[in-house]
Structure formats: structure tokens, C-alpha cells
Amino acid sequence: MQKRKIGSLDVSVVGVGCNNFGIRIDEARTKEVIDAALDSGANFFDTADTYANGRSEELIGRLIGYRRSQVIIATKFGQAVPGQGTGARPEYVKKAFEASLKRLRTDYVDLYQLHLPDPAVPIAETLGALDELVRAGTVKEIGCSNFSAQQLREAEAAATRLRSARFVSVQNEYSLLNREPEAQVLGECARQGIAFLPYFPLKSGLLTGKYRKGQPIPEDTRVAKFDRYRKLLTEENLEKVERLIDYAQSHGHTILDLAISWLLAHPVVASVIAGASSAQQVRANVDAANWDLTAADLDEINVLLSREAGKATA
């Protein structure tokens, strides 16, 4: 498994998004996912205090156990946790961090991330609190999530002014079917040397080939159960999926291979943190990173995804 940098951290290019732990899969299945990831060479686990109201962190802490030094654990704070609080004020940063440490059964976090901007708190105040954790040695690196390019610039300016720890990563939604970060955020990451972590890299399963145009929705899937996911099955998205499947198959690959390898073809992307609900899915995600896409491949894919291509094949 190749590794890339998030600040001083060496992370596997395929990691595990842990939002399923304790909510979509139970403890036994979570153990299977964690064990399969480690056996496959994946060392990066991304969770948050709000995932399953802290249950995800608890399961990671219990199931990683003696292997703590072998893994990179990233967690987040800032969203509402029942009985704990919310936000990015300095006093809450410390409270949330201590609670995460307890659930994770560890005395340090590798990457501690602000889950979303808090407009009520100047970023300098949040960075000051995070800097104290870094200086204490209980946090190795800090990052953010759902930040715009302008917010990244404001954070950089504040860290420079304070001479504090700076964000070394940003985690935003990015996939073949959601390319919004290309407008500004990826360029800002390259300018600042910030690692980009794409969440929803498989667009809630659309980029696995599970959902096909003209075919019934598979039972026991999020898309089948929840309307907010079912809304993703637009005619435009399904047409794009069909074109991507054809392209991948013509090169001897799957659409999953394409979705993950396409993200990793962008140098600022450090790790693809795809969620998984089984050991088989983890192994498939890891294997999917083995397609080295060329610049010509990327150009072809851009054409495939353009509206003009869609009209031409309609």
C-alpha cells in the first residue's frame, strides 16, 4: 500500500471512513472491517465524535487495542453530540477532545479536525486551543472539514499571526460526480501544501456500479431506505454512471477502480477514506487504487462527464 503525507503523518492512500461503525454495522462487523483494513495495508481510520453519537470512536478504541501504534486515527469535533455540546469555542475544543480520548482509549490523536466552520467563533480562537493540544503532544496534526478556499486562507493568516499550529488537511466532498472542490479549494490546497481528503468518494454507492439505469434499486441499501439518498438517482447521474462503467470496462477495470484511482490521480489528495460495511468492501477499495491514470485518461473522463457527451449518447 502506497502512503502519502498529511503534515508529518504517513497515511495509506486508501483509508477507512468510520461513519458506519456502530450504526449501520455492529461490533462484530466493525471488527471484520478494521482487521481487513490492517491486513490489506490500510492504516488510516477517519471518524468523528458525532458518528453514532460517539459509538464509532468507542468501537475503534476497543477493537484497535494493542495495534494503536500501527494506525493513524483521525477524528473530528464541532458538530452536536448529545450530552456533550457543540461548536468551536476554546473551552469546548478541550472538552470534546478529552471525551474523544476517553472513547478512543488512547492518550493522543494523530489528526484532530474541526468538523465544520463555526461562524460564531473567530478561527484564531479555535486555532489557539488546538495549538495547545499540539504543544502538549496529545495531538500530532490538526485539520478542518467543509472549509471554503477563503476560509482556508483566513485560517492560514491566523496561524501565521499567532505562530500556532496550522491546518495540514481539509476534508470536503469530492468525487467523479461532485467536482466542486476543483473550482478553488484544490488550488488553495496546492498553494498552502494542505492535504485534501475527499469524503463521499463513491457518492453514497453510485460509483460502485450497484445502481444501474433501468434496474431496480438493491434492497437493504441506504438508497433504498432513505429518500435523501434516493434523490441521487437522477437521470443525469445514472447516465454518467453508465458511461463511466463502459469506460472502466474497456480498460479492464471496474467503476470502483476508476472512482478511487481518479481521486488519487490528483496529487493533493492524500487518502481516499471510503466507508465500508464488510471485509470484502475494504479489500475491494484497497485493490481499486492500483490503476495509474494518465493525463490522457483524465482528459477522456472529463469529456465523458460533460453535458455535451451526455447529449451525444442520449
C-alpha atoms as a PDB file:
ATOM      1  CA  MET A   1       0.000   0.000   0.000  1.00  0.00           C
ATOM      2  CA  GLN A   2       1.405   3.350  -1.041  1.00  0.00           C
ATOM      3  CA  LYS A   3       1.472   6.150   1.506  1.00  0.00           C
ATOM      4  CA  ARG A   4       1.171   9.909   1.221  1.00  0.00           C
ATOM      5  CA  LYS A   5       1.696  12.766   3.660  1.00  0.00           C
ATOM      6  CA  ILE A   6      -0.754  14.618   5.855  1.00  0.00           C
ATOM      7  CA  GLY A   7       1.647  17.003   7.505  1.00  0.00           C
ATOM      8  CA  SER A   8       4.091  14.730   9.340  1.00  0.00           C
ATOM      9  CA  LEU A   9       1.792  11.704   9.104  1.00  0.00           C
ATOM     10  CA  ASP A  10       2.306   8.852   6.627  1.00  0.00           C
ATOM     11  CA  VAL A  11      -1.141   7.601   5.646  1.00  0.00           C
ATOM     12  CA  SER A  12      -2.230   4.816   3.319  1.00  0.00           C
ATOM     13  CA  VAL A  13      -3.706   6.125   0.064  1.00  0.00           C
ATOM     14  CA  VAL A  14      -6.863   4.180   0.851  1.00  0.00           C
ATOM     15  CA  GLY A  15      -8.247   4.620   4.338  1.00  0.00           C
ATOM     16  CA  VAL A  16     -11.470   3.742   6.101  1.00  0.00           C
ATOM     17  CA  GLY A  17     -14.309   6.162   6.685  1.00  0.00           C
ATOM     18  CA  CYS A  18     -15.769   5.037  10.011  1.00  0.00           C
ATOM     19  CA  ASN A  19     -19.230   6.613   9.851  1.00  0.00           C
ATOM     20  CA  ASN A  20     -20.828   3.139   9.507  1.00  0.00           C
ATOM     21  CA  PHE A  21     -19.354   1.851  12.761  1.00  0.00           C
ATOM     22  CA  GLY A  22     -21.940   1.343  15.472  1.00  0.00           C
ATOM     23  CA  ILE A  23     -24.881   2.431  13.342  1.00  0.00           C
ATOM     24  CA  ARG A  24     -25.002   0.529  10.034  1.00  0.00           C
ATOM     25  CA  ILE A  25     -22.784  -2.321  11.244  1.00  0.00           C
ATOM     26  CA  ASP A  26     -22.459  -3.893  14.682  1.00  0.00           C
ATOM     27  CA  GLU A  27     -19.326  -4.597  16.708  1.00  0.00           C
ATOM     28  CA  ALA A  28     -18.573  -7.945  15.044  1.00  0.00           C
ATOM     29  CA  ARG A  29     -18.792  -6.488  11.531  1.00  0.00           C
ATOM     30  CA  THR A  30     -16.788  -3.446  12.604  1.00  0.00           C
ATOM     31  CA  LYS A  31     -14.024  -5.765  13.810  1.00  0.00           C
ATOM     32  CA  GLU A  32     -14.041  -7.530  10.429  1.00  0.00           C
ATOM     33  CA  VAL A  33     -13.659  -4.179   8.645  1.00  0.00           C
ATOM     34  CA  ILE A  34     -10.817  -2.991  10.891  1.00  0.00           C
ATOM     35  CA  ASP A  35      -8.955  -6.305  10.690  1.00  0.00           C
ATOM     36  CA  ALA A  36      -9.343  -6.481   6.897  1.00  0.00           C
ATOM     37  CA  ALA A  37      -8.063  -2.914   6.542  1.00  0.00           C
ATOM     38  CA  LEU A  38      -4.951  -3.594   8.597  1.00  0.00           C
ATOM     39  CA  ASP A  39      -4.333  -6.908   6.823  1.00  0.00           C
ATOM     40  CA  SER A  40      -4.576  -5.063   3.489  1.00  0.00           C
ATOM     41  CA  GLY A  41      -2.095  -2.369   4.494  1.00  0.00           C
ATOM     42  CA  ALA A  42      -4.572   0.422   5.187  1.00  0.00           C
ATOM     43  CA  ASN A  43      -3.548   2.332   8.321  1.00  0.00           C
ATOM     44  CA  PHE A  44      -5.791   5.423   8.204  1.00  0.00           C
ATOM     45  CA  PHE A  45      -9.101   5.485  10.077  1.00  0.00           C
ATOM     46  CA  ASP A  46     -11.264   8.604   9.928  1.00  0.00           C
ATOM     47  CA  THR A  47     -14.074   9.035  12.445  1.00  0.00           C
ATOM     48  CA  ALA A  48     -15.855  11.815  14.373  1.00  0.00           C
ATOM     49  CA  ASP A  49     -17.311  12.288  17.825  1.00  0.00           C
ATOM     50  CA  THR A  50     -20.757  12.627  16.268  1.00  0.00           C
ATOM     51  CA  TYR A  51     -20.679   9.323  14.354  1.00  0.00           C
ATOM     52  CA  ALA A  52     -23.244   7.086  16.053  1.00  0.00           C
ATOM     53  CA  ASN A  53     -23.138   9.594  18.943  1.00  0.00           C
ATOM     54  CA  GLY A  54     -19.624   8.517  19.893  1.00  0.00           C
ATOM     55  CA  ARG A  55     -20.116   4.803  19.340  1.00  0.00           C
ATOM     56  CA  SER A  56     -17.791   4.804  16.314  1.00  0.00           C
ATOM     57  CA  GLU A  57     -14.936   6.158  18.416  1.00  0.00           C
ATOM     58  CA  GLU A  58     -15.688   3.666  21.175  1.00  0.00           C
ATOM     59  CA  LEU A  59     -15.531   0.703  18.799  1.00  0.00           C
ATOM     60  CA  ILE A  60     -12.275   1.904  17.243  1.00  0.00           C
ATOM     61  CA  GLY A  61     -10.734   2.308  20.684  1.00  0.00           C
ATOM     62  CA  ARG A  62     -11.765  -1.144  21.804  1.00  0.00           C
ATOM     63  CA  LEU A  63     -11.003  -3.007  18.573  1.00  0.00           C
ATOM     64  CA  ILE A  64      -7.677  -1.395  17.659  1.00  0.00           C
ATOM     65  CA  GLY A  65      -6.324  -2.257  21.085  1.00  0.00           C
ATOM     66  CA  TYR A  66      -2.640  -3.172  21.132  1.00  0.00           C
ATOM     67  CA  ARG A  67      -2.271  -2.115  17.482  1.00  0.00           C
ATOM     68  CA  ARG A  68      -2.631   1.590  18.306  1.00  0.00           C
ATOM     69  CA  SER A  69       0.928   2.416  17.201  1.00  0.00           C
ATOM     70  CA  GLN A  70       0.254   0.823  13.796  1.00  0.00           C
ATOM     71  CA  VAL A  71      -2.618   3.115  12.863  1.00  0.00           C
ATOM     72  CA  ILE A  72      -3.329   6.749  12.121  1.00  0.00           C
ATOM     73  CA  ILE A  73      -6.530   7.836  13.842  1.00  0.00           C
ATOM     74  CA  ALA A  74      -8.294  10.965  12.673  1.00  0.00           C
ATOM     75  CA  THR A  75     -11.356  12.266  14.471  1.00  0.00           C
ATOM     76  CA  LYS A  76     -13.446  15.426  14.373  1.00  0.00           C
ATOM     77  CA  PHE A  77     -15.258  17.792  16.727  1.00  0.00           C
ATOM     78  CA  GLY A  78     -17.682  20.667  16.342  1.00  0.00           C
ATOM     79  CA  GLN A  79     -20.996  19.083  15.423  1.00  0.00           C
ATOM     80  CA  ALA A  80     -23.588  18.499  18.108  1.00  0.00           C
ATOM     81  CA  VAL A  81     -23.047  15.474  20.347  1.00  0.00           C
ATOM     82  CA  PRO A  82     -25.922  14.732  22.762  1.00  0.00           C
ATOM     83  CA  GLY A  83     -24.883  15.415  26.330  1.00  0.00           C
ATOM     84  CA  GLN A  84     -21.538  16.873  25.251  1.00  0.00           C
ATOM     85  CA  GLY A  85     -22.131  20.066  23.312  1.00  0.00           C
ATOM     86  CA  THR A  86     -21.223  21.662  20.002  1.00  0.00           C
ATOM     87  CA  GLY A  87     -19.138  24.387  18.393  1.00  0.00           C
ATOM     88  CA  ALA A  88     -15.534  25.545  18.188  1.00  0.00           C
ATOM     89  CA  ARG A  89     -15.010  27.730  21.253  1.00  0.00           C
ATOM     90  CA  PRO A  90     -11.689  27.044  23.030  1.00  0.00           C
ATOM     91  CA  GLU A  91     -13.321  25.662  26.158  1.00  0.00           C
ATOM     92  CA  TYR A  92     -15.393  23.247  24.061  1.00  0.00           C
ATOM     93  CA  VAL A  93     -12.384  22.163  21.984  1.00  0.00           C
ATOM     94  CA  LYS A  94     -10.733  20.876  25.136  1.00  0.00           C
ATOM     95  CA  LYS A  95     -13.913  19.258  26.426  1.00  0.00           C
ATOM     96  CA  ALA A  96     -14.616  17.488  23.138  1.00  0.00           C
ATOM     97  CA  PHE A  97     -11.011  16.342  22.849  1.00  0.00           C
ATOM     98  CA  GLU A  98     -10.934  14.792  26.310  1.00  0.00           C
ATOM     99  CA  ALA A  99     -14.187  12.981  25.567  1.00  0.00           C
ATOM    100  CA  SER A 100     -12.782  11.611  22.289  1.00  0.00           C
ATOM    101  CA  LEU A 101      -9.596  10.426  24.012  1.00  0.00           C
ATOM    102  CA  LYS A 102     -11.680   8.512  26.534  1.00  0.00           C
ATOM    103  CA  ARG A 103     -13.842   6.869  23.875  1.00  0.00           C
ATOM    104  CA  LEU A 104     -10.824   6.044  21.699  1.00  0.00           C
ATOM    105  CA  ARG A 105      -8.925   4.608  24.697  1.00  0.00           C
ATOM    106  CA  THR A 106      -5.778   6.466  23.702  1.00  0.00           C
ATOM    107  CA  ASP A 107      -3.638   9.304  25.012  1.00  0.00           C
ATOM    108  CA  TYR A 108      -3.155  11.044  21.659  1.00  0.00           C
ATOM    109  CA  VAL A 109      -4.912  11.682  18.356  1.00  0.00           C
ATOM    110  CA  ASP A 110      -2.950  11.712  15.118  1.00  0.00           C
ATOM    111  CA  LEU A 111      -5.192  14.145  13.228  1.00  0.00           C
ATOM    112  CA  TYR A 112      -7.752  16.281  15.072  1.00  0.00           C
ATOM    113  CA  GLN A 113     -10.180  18.065  12.762  1.00  0.00           C
ATOM    114  CA  LEU A 114     -12.730  20.853  13.072  1.00  0.00           C
ATOM    115  CA  HIS A 115     -15.810  19.232  11.518  1.00  0.00           C
ATOM    116  CA  LEU A 116     -17.245  22.428  10.065  1.00  0.00           C
ATOM    117  CA  PRO A 117     -16.674  26.181  10.341  1.00  0.00           C
ATOM    118  CA  ASP A 118     -18.268  27.914  13.327  1.00  0.00           C
ATOM    119  CA  PRO A 119     -19.266  31.440  12.235  1.00  0.00           C
ATOM    120  CA  ALA A 120     -19.767  32.447  15.880  1.00  0.00           C
ATOM    121  CA  VAL A 121     -16.111  31.834  16.801  1.00  0.00           C
ATOM    122  CA  PRO A 122     -13.082  33.559  15.238  1.00  0.00           C
ATOM    123  CA  ILE A 123     -10.847  30.899  13.713  1.00  0.00           C
ATOM    124  CA  ALA A 124      -7.884  32.338  15.634  1.00  0.00           C
ATOM    125  CA  GLU A 125      -9.526  31.332  18.918  1.00  0.00           C
ATOM    126  CA  THR A 126     -10.088  27.764  17.762  1.00  0.00           C
ATOM    127  CA  LEU A 127      -6.535  27.517  16.409  1.00  0.00           C
ATOM    128  CA  GLY A 128      -5.183  28.786  19.728  1.00  0.00           C
ATOM    129  CA  ALA A 129      -6.927  25.958  21.586  1.00  0.00           C
ATOM    130  CA  LEU A 130      -5.784  23.370  19.039  1.00  0.00           C
ATOM    131  CA  ASP A 131      -2.237  24.695  19.254  1.00  0.00           C
ATOM    132  CA  GLU A 132      -2.224  23.994  22.995  1.00  0.00           C
ATOM    133  CA  LEU A 133      -3.088  20.354  22.280  1.00  0.00           C
ATOM    134  CA  VAL A 134      -0.302  20.105  19.720  1.00  0.00           C
ATOM    135  CA  ARG A 135       2.221  21.687  22.080  1.00  0.00           C
ATOM    136  CA  ALA A 136       1.138  19.262  24.814  1.00  0.00           C
ATOM    137  CA  GLY A 137       1.881  16.351  22.482  1.00  0.00           C
ATOM    138  CA  THR A 138      -1.630  14.942  22.648  1.00  0.00           C
ATOM    139  CA  VAL A 139      -2.409  15.906  19.031  1.00  0.00           C
ATOM    140  CA  LYS A 140       0.095  15.370  16.220  1.00  0.00           C
ATOM    141  CA  GLU A 141      -1.597  17.365  13.455  1.00  0.00           C
ATOM    142  CA  ILE A 142      -4.756  19.431  13.020  1.00  0.00           C
ATOM    143  CA  GLY A 143      -7.137  19.686  10.091  1.00  0.00           C
ATOM    144  CA  CYS A 144     -10.531  21.001   9.081  1.00  0.00           C
ATOM    145  CA  SER A 145     -13.566  19.909   7.129  1.00  0.00           C
ATOM    146  CA  ASN A 146     -16.164  21.635   4.949  1.00  0.00           C
ATOM    147  CA  PHE A 147     -13.972  24.742   4.570  1.00  0.00           C
ATOM    148  CA  SER A 148     -14.028  27.013   1.530  1.00  0.00           C
ATOM    149  CA  ALA A 149     -10.868  28.359  -0.079  1.00  0.00           C
ATOM    150  CA  GLN A 150     -11.467  31.717   1.592  1.00  0.00           C
ATOM    151  CA  GLN A 151     -11.814  30.052   4.995  1.00  0.00           C
ATOM    152  CA  LEU A 152      -8.577  28.158   4.399  1.00  0.00           C
ATOM    153  CA  ARG A 153      -6.854  31.464   3.641  1.00  0.00           C
ATOM    154  CA  GLU A 154      -8.273  33.032   6.799  1.00  0.00           C
ATOM    155  CA  ALA A 155      -7.048  30.087   8.857  1.00  0.00           C
ATOM    156  CA  GLU A 156      -3.584  30.322   7.292  1.00  0.00           C
ATOM    157  CA  ALA A 157      -3.386  34.044   8.067  1.00  0.00           C
ATOM    158  CA  ALA A 158      -4.486  33.467  11.669  1.00  0.00           C
ATOM    159  CA  ALA A 159      -1.977  30.654  12.226  1.00  0.00           C
ATOM    160  CA  THR A 160       0.819  32.802  10.797  1.00  0.00           C
ATOM    161  CA  ARG A 161      -0.147  35.720  13.021  1.00  0.00           C
ATOM    162  CA  LEU A 162      -0.372  33.527  16.121  1.00  0.00           C
ATOM    163  CA  ARG A 163       2.640  31.401  15.188  1.00  0.00           C
ATOM    164  CA  SER A 164       0.431  28.456  16.028  1.00  0.00           C
ATOM    165  CA  ALA A 165      -0.161  25.001  14.587  1.00  0.00           C
ATOM    166  CA  ARG A 166      -1.799  25.222  11.167  1.00  0.00           C
ATOM    167  CA  PHE A 167      -4.318  23.073   9.370  1.00  0.00           C
ATOM    168  CA  VAL A 168      -2.479  20.421   7.353  1.00  0.00           C
ATOM    169  CA  SER A 169      -5.615  18.895   5.816  1.00  0.00           C
ATOM    170  CA  VAL A 170      -9.105  19.727   4.656  1.00  0.00           C
ATOM    171  CA  GLN A 171     -11.878  17.191   4.224  1.00  0.00           C
ATOM    172  CA  ASN A 172     -14.618  18.117   1.737  1.00  0.00           C
ATOM    173  CA  GLU A 173     -16.951  16.157  -0.511  1.00  0.00           C
ATOM    174  CA  TYR A 174     -15.307  15.243  -3.824  1.00  0.00           C
ATOM    175  CA  SER A 175     -15.923  12.536  -6.388  1.00  0.00           C
ATOM    176  CA  LEU A 176     -16.408  11.944 -10.095  1.00  0.00           C
ATOM    177  CA  LEU A 177     -19.999  13.079  -9.548  1.00  0.00           C
ATOM    178  CA  ASN A 178     -19.238  16.080  -7.318  1.00  0.00           C
ATOM    179  CA  ARG A 179     -16.330  18.174  -8.529  1.00  0.00           C
ATOM    180  CA  GLU A 180     -16.991  21.420  -6.689  1.00  0.00           C
ATOM    181  CA  PRO A 181     -13.546  21.478  -4.960  1.00  0.00           C
ATOM    182  CA  GLU A 182     -11.889  21.893  -8.356  1.00  0.00           C
ATOM    183  CA  ALA A 183     -13.203  25.464  -8.563  1.00  0.00           C
ATOM    184  CA  GLN A 184     -10.990  26.845  -5.767  1.00  0.00           C
ATOM    185  CA  VAL A 185     -10.252  24.504  -2.869  1.00  0.00           C
ATOM    186  CA  LEU A 186      -7.862  22.118  -4.620  1.00  0.00           C
ATOM    187  CA  GLY A 187      -5.830  25.037  -5.910  1.00  0.00           C
ATOM    188  CA  GLU A 188      -5.662  26.566  -2.422  1.00  0.00           C
ATOM    189  CA  CYS A 189      -4.532  23.198  -1.038  1.00  0.00           C
ATOM    190  CA  ALA A 190      -1.725  23.064  -3.580  1.00  0.00           C
ATOM    191  CA  ARG A 191      -0.691  26.650  -2.739  1.00  0.00           C
ATOM    192  CA  GLN A 192      -0.596  26.038   1.024  1.00  0.00           C
ATOM    193  CA  GLY A 193       0.665  22.458   0.934  1.00  0.00           C
ATOM    194  CA  ILE A 194      -2.555  21.189   2.527  1.00  0.00           C
ATOM    195  CA  ALA A 195      -3.584  17.564   2.053  1.00  0.00           C
ATOM    196  CA  PHE A 196      -7.081  17.057   0.649  1.00  0.00           C
ATOM    197  CA  LEU A 197      -9.269  14.236   1.996  1.00  0.00           C
ATOM    198  CA  PRO A 198     -12.353  13.540  -0.149  1.00  0.00           C
ATOM    199  CA  TYR A 199     -15.436  12.348   1.691  1.00  0.00           C
ATOM    200  CA  PHE A 200     -18.300  10.567  -0.086  1.00  0.00           C
ATOM    201  CA  PRO A 201     -15.701   9.465  -2.686  1.00  0.00           C
ATOM    202  CA  LEU A 202     -18.139   6.867  -4.048  1.00  0.00           C
ATOM    203  CA  LYS A 203     -21.125   9.241  -3.987  1.00  0.00           C
ATOM    204  CA  SER A 204     -23.058   7.096  -1.497  1.00  0.00           C
ATOM    205  CA  GLY A 205     -22.558   3.968  -3.594  1.00  0.00           C
ATOM    206  CA  LEU A 206     -23.377   5.355  -7.048  1.00  0.00           C
ATOM    207  CA  LEU A 207     -19.752   4.870  -8.123  1.00  0.00           C
ATOM    208  CA  THR A 208     -19.646   1.193  -7.153  1.00  0.00           C
ATOM    209  CA  GLY A 209     -21.881   0.031 -10.025  1.00  0.00           C
ATOM    210  CA  LYS A 210     -24.540  -1.005  -7.514  1.00  0.00           C
ATOM    211  CA  TYR A 211     -27.186   1.256  -9.049  1.00  0.00           C
ATOM    212  CA  ARG A 212     -27.835   0.942 -12.785  1.00  0.00           C
ATOM    213  CA  LYS A 213     -30.112   2.746 -15.175  1.00  0.00           C
ATOM    214  CA  GLY A 214     -33.363   0.849 -15.730  1.00  0.00           C
ATOM    215  CA  GLN A 215     -32.644  -1.669 -12.974  1.00  0.00           C
ATOM    216  CA  PRO A 216     -34.370  -1.994  -9.563  1.00  0.00           C
ATOM    217  CA  ILE A 217     -32.704  -0.473  -6.524  1.00  0.00           C
ATOM    218  CA  PRO A 218     -30.967  -3.218  -4.495  1.00  0.00           C
ATOM    219  CA  GLU A 219     -32.706  -3.928  -1.195  1.00  0.00           C
ATOM    220  CA  ASP A 220     -31.069  -3.192   2.162  1.00  0.00           C
ATOM    221  CA  THR A 221     -29.091  -0.213   0.849  1.00  0.00           C
ATOM    222  CA  ARG A 222     -29.125   3.378   2.056  1.00  0.00           C
ATOM    223  CA  VAL A 223     -30.553   4.486  -1.274  1.00  0.00           C
ATOM    224  CA  ALA A 224     -33.447   2.020  -0.893  1.00  0.00           C
ATOM    225  CA  LYS A 225     -34.149   3.043   2.705  1.00  0.00           C
ATOM    226  CA  PHE A 226     -33.703   6.826   2.719  1.00  0.00           C
ATOM    227  CA  ASP A 227     -35.230   9.389   0.400  1.00  0.00           C
ATOM    228  CA  ARG A 228     -32.284  11.802   0.719  1.00  0.00           C
ATOM    229  CA  TYR A 229     -30.022   9.169  -0.861  1.00  0.00           C
ATOM    230  CA  ARG A 230     -32.632   8.057  -3.393  1.00  0.00           C
ATOM    231  CA  LYS A 231     -32.660  11.620  -4.720  1.00  0.00           C
ATOM    232  CA  LEU A 232     -29.128  10.981  -6.018  1.00  0.00           C
ATOM    233  CA  LEU A 233     -30.510   8.578  -8.623  1.00  0.00           C
ATOM    234  CA  THR A 234     -31.212  11.295 -11.162  1.00  0.00           C
ATOM    235  CA  GLU A 235     -31.324  10.581 -14.875  1.00  0.00           C
ATOM    236  CA  GLU A 236     -28.156  12.638 -15.327  1.00  0.00           C
ATOM    237  CA  ASN A 237     -26.221  10.800 -12.601  1.00  0.00           C
ATOM    238  CA  LEU A 238     -27.299   7.371 -13.835  1.00  0.00           C
ATOM    239  CA  GLU A 239     -26.306   8.246 -17.406  1.00  0.00           C
ATOM    240  CA  LYS A 240     -22.885   9.342 -16.174  1.00  0.00           C
ATOM    241  CA  VAL A 241     -22.527   6.116 -14.208  1.00  0.00           C
ATOM    242  CA  GLU A 242     -23.260   4.065 -17.336  1.00  0.00           C
ATOM    243  CA  ARG A 243     -20.629   5.959 -19.326  1.00  0.00           C
ATOM    244  CA  LEU A 244     -18.084   5.527 -16.536  1.00  0.00           C
ATOM    245  CA  ILE A 245     -18.805   1.794 -16.296  1.00  0.00           C
ATOM    246  CA  ASP A 246     -18.281   1.431 -20.049  1.00  0.00           C
ATOM    247  CA  TYR A 247     -15.015   3.372 -19.880  1.00  0.00           C
ATOM    248  CA  ALA A 248     -13.666   1.349 -16.968  1.00  0.00           C
ATOM    249  CA  GLN A 249     -14.619  -1.989 -18.514  1.00  0.00           C
ATOM    250  CA  SER A 250     -12.994  -1.021 -21.815  1.00  0.00           C
ATOM    251  CA  HIS A 251      -9.729  -0.658 -19.853  1.00  0.00           C
ATOM    252  CA  GLY A 252     -10.147  -3.902 -17.915  1.00  0.00           C
ATOM    253  CA  HIS A 253     -11.297  -2.229 -14.698  1.00  0.00           C
ATOM    254  CA  THR A 254     -14.430  -1.598 -12.654  1.00  0.00           C
ATOM    255  CA  ILE A 255     -16.137   1.698 -11.945  1.00  0.00           C
ATOM    256  CA  LEU A 256     -14.918   1.334  -8.338  1.00  0.00           C
ATOM    257  CA  ASP A 257     -11.327   1.171  -9.611  1.00  0.00           C
ATOM    258  CA  LEU A 258     -11.995   4.287 -11.649  1.00  0.00           C
ATOM    259  CA  ALA A 259     -13.637   6.243  -8.826  1.00  0.00           C
ATOM    260  CA  ILE A 260     -10.787   5.693  -6.354  1.00  0.00           C
ATOM    261  CA  SER A 261      -7.867   5.842  -8.794  1.00  0.00           C
ATOM    262  CA  TRP A 262      -9.273   9.034 -10.361  1.00  0.00           C
ATOM    263  CA  LEU A 263      -9.202  10.765  -6.985  1.00  0.00           C
ATOM    264  CA  LEU A 264      -5.659   9.570  -6.318  1.00  0.00           C
ATOM    265  CA  ALA A 265      -4.558  10.925  -9.704  1.00  0.00           C
ATOM    266  CA  HIS A 266      -4.817  14.364  -8.055  1.00  0.00           C
ATOM    267  CA  PRO A 267      -1.544  14.979  -6.158  1.00  0.00           C
ATOM    268  CA  VAL A 268      -3.200  16.978  -3.366  1.00  0.00           C
ATOM    269  CA  VAL A 269      -5.403  14.007  -2.436  1.00  0.00           C
ATOM    270  CA  ALA A 270      -3.679  12.187   0.425  1.00  0.00           C
ATOM    271  CA  SER A 271      -6.095   9.338   1.093  1.00  0.00           C
ATOM    272  CA  VAL A 272      -9.478   8.136  -0.124  1.00  0.00           C
ATOM    273  CA  ILE A 273     -11.489   7.415   3.018  1.00  0.00           C
ATOM    274  CA  ALA A 274     -14.253   5.241   1.635  1.00  0.00           C
ATOM    275  CA  GLY A 275     -16.756   3.805   4.059  1.00  0.00           C
ATOM    276  CA  ALA A 276     -17.106   0.044   4.284  1.00  0.00           C
ATOM    277  CA  SER A 277     -19.591  -2.327   5.877  1.00  0.00           C
ATOM    278  CA  SER A 278     -17.738  -5.590   5.226  1.00  0.00           C
ATOM    279  CA  ALA A 279     -14.234  -7.004   4.937  1.00  0.00           C
ATOM    280  CA  GLN A 280     -14.907  -7.655   1.253  1.00  0.00           C
ATOM    281  CA  GLN A 281     -15.641  -3.977   0.626  1.00  0.00           C
ATOM    282  CA  VAL A 282     -12.440  -2.923   2.369  1.00  0.00           C
ATOM    283  CA  ARG A 283     -10.351  -5.267   0.214  1.00  0.00           C
ATOM    284  CA  ALA A 284     -12.126  -4.064  -2.931  1.00  0.00           C
ATOM    285  CA  ASN A 285     -11.446  -0.423  -2.022  1.00  0.00           C
ATOM    286  CA  VAL A 286      -7.755  -1.162  -1.430  1.00  0.00           C
ATOM    287  CA  ASP A 287      -7.419  -3.089  -4.698  1.00  0.00           C
ATOM    288  CA  ALA A 288      -9.159  -0.251  -6.563  1.00  0.00           C
ATOM    289  CA  ALA A 289      -6.200   2.082  -6.038  1.00  0.00           C
ATOM    290  CA  ASN A 290      -3.989   0.174  -8.488  1.00  0.00           C
ATOM    291  CA  TRP A 291      -4.970   1.940 -11.744  1.00  0.00           C
ATOM    292  CA  ASP A 292      -2.425   4.608 -12.699  1.00  0.00           C
ATOM    293  CA  LEU A 293      -4.454   7.032 -14.781  1.00  0.00           C
ATOM    294  CA  THR A 294      -2.573   9.149 -17.302  1.00  0.00           C
ATOM    295  CA  ALA A 295      -3.229  12.773 -18.222  1.00  0.00           C
ATOM    296  CA  ALA A 296      -4.845  11.486 -21.423  1.00  0.00           C
ATOM    297  CA  ASP A 297      -7.134   9.242 -19.368  1.00  0.00           C
ATOM    298  CA  LEU A 298      -8.189  12.197 -17.238  1.00  0.00           C
ATOM    299  CA  ASP A 299      -8.964  14.248 -20.347  1.00  0.00           C
ATOM    300  CA  GLU A 300     -11.102  11.415 -21.736  1.00  0.00           C
ATOM    301  CA  ILE A 301     -13.000  11.143 -18.476  1.00  0.00           C
ATOM    302  CA  ASN A 302     -13.668  14.888 -18.468  1.00  0.00           C
ATOM    303  CA  VAL A 303     -15.211  14.580 -21.925  1.00  0.00           C
ATOM    304  CA  LEU A 304     -17.288  11.599 -20.837  1.00  0.00           C
ATOM    305  CA  LEU A 305     -18.744  13.550 -17.932  1.00  0.00           C
ATOM    306  CA  SER A 306     -19.504  16.703 -19.900  1.00  0.00           C
ATOM    307  CA  ARG A 307     -23.110  17.550 -20.696  1.00  0.00           C
ATOM    308  CA  GLU A 308     -22.233  17.504 -24.382  1.00  0.00           C
ATOM    309  CA  ALA A 309     -21.140  13.875 -24.134  1.00  0.00           C
ATOM    310  CA  GLY A 310     -24.383  13.053 -22.372  1.00  0.00           C
ATOM    311  CA  LYS A 311     -26.472  14.658 -25.119  1.00  0.00           C
ATOM    312  CA  ALA A 312     -24.417  12.939 -27.801  1.00  0.00           C
ATOM    313  CA  THR A 313     -25.089   9.485 -26.334  1.00  0.00           C
ATOM    314  CA  ALA A 314     -28.721  10.086 -25.399  1.00  0.00           C
END
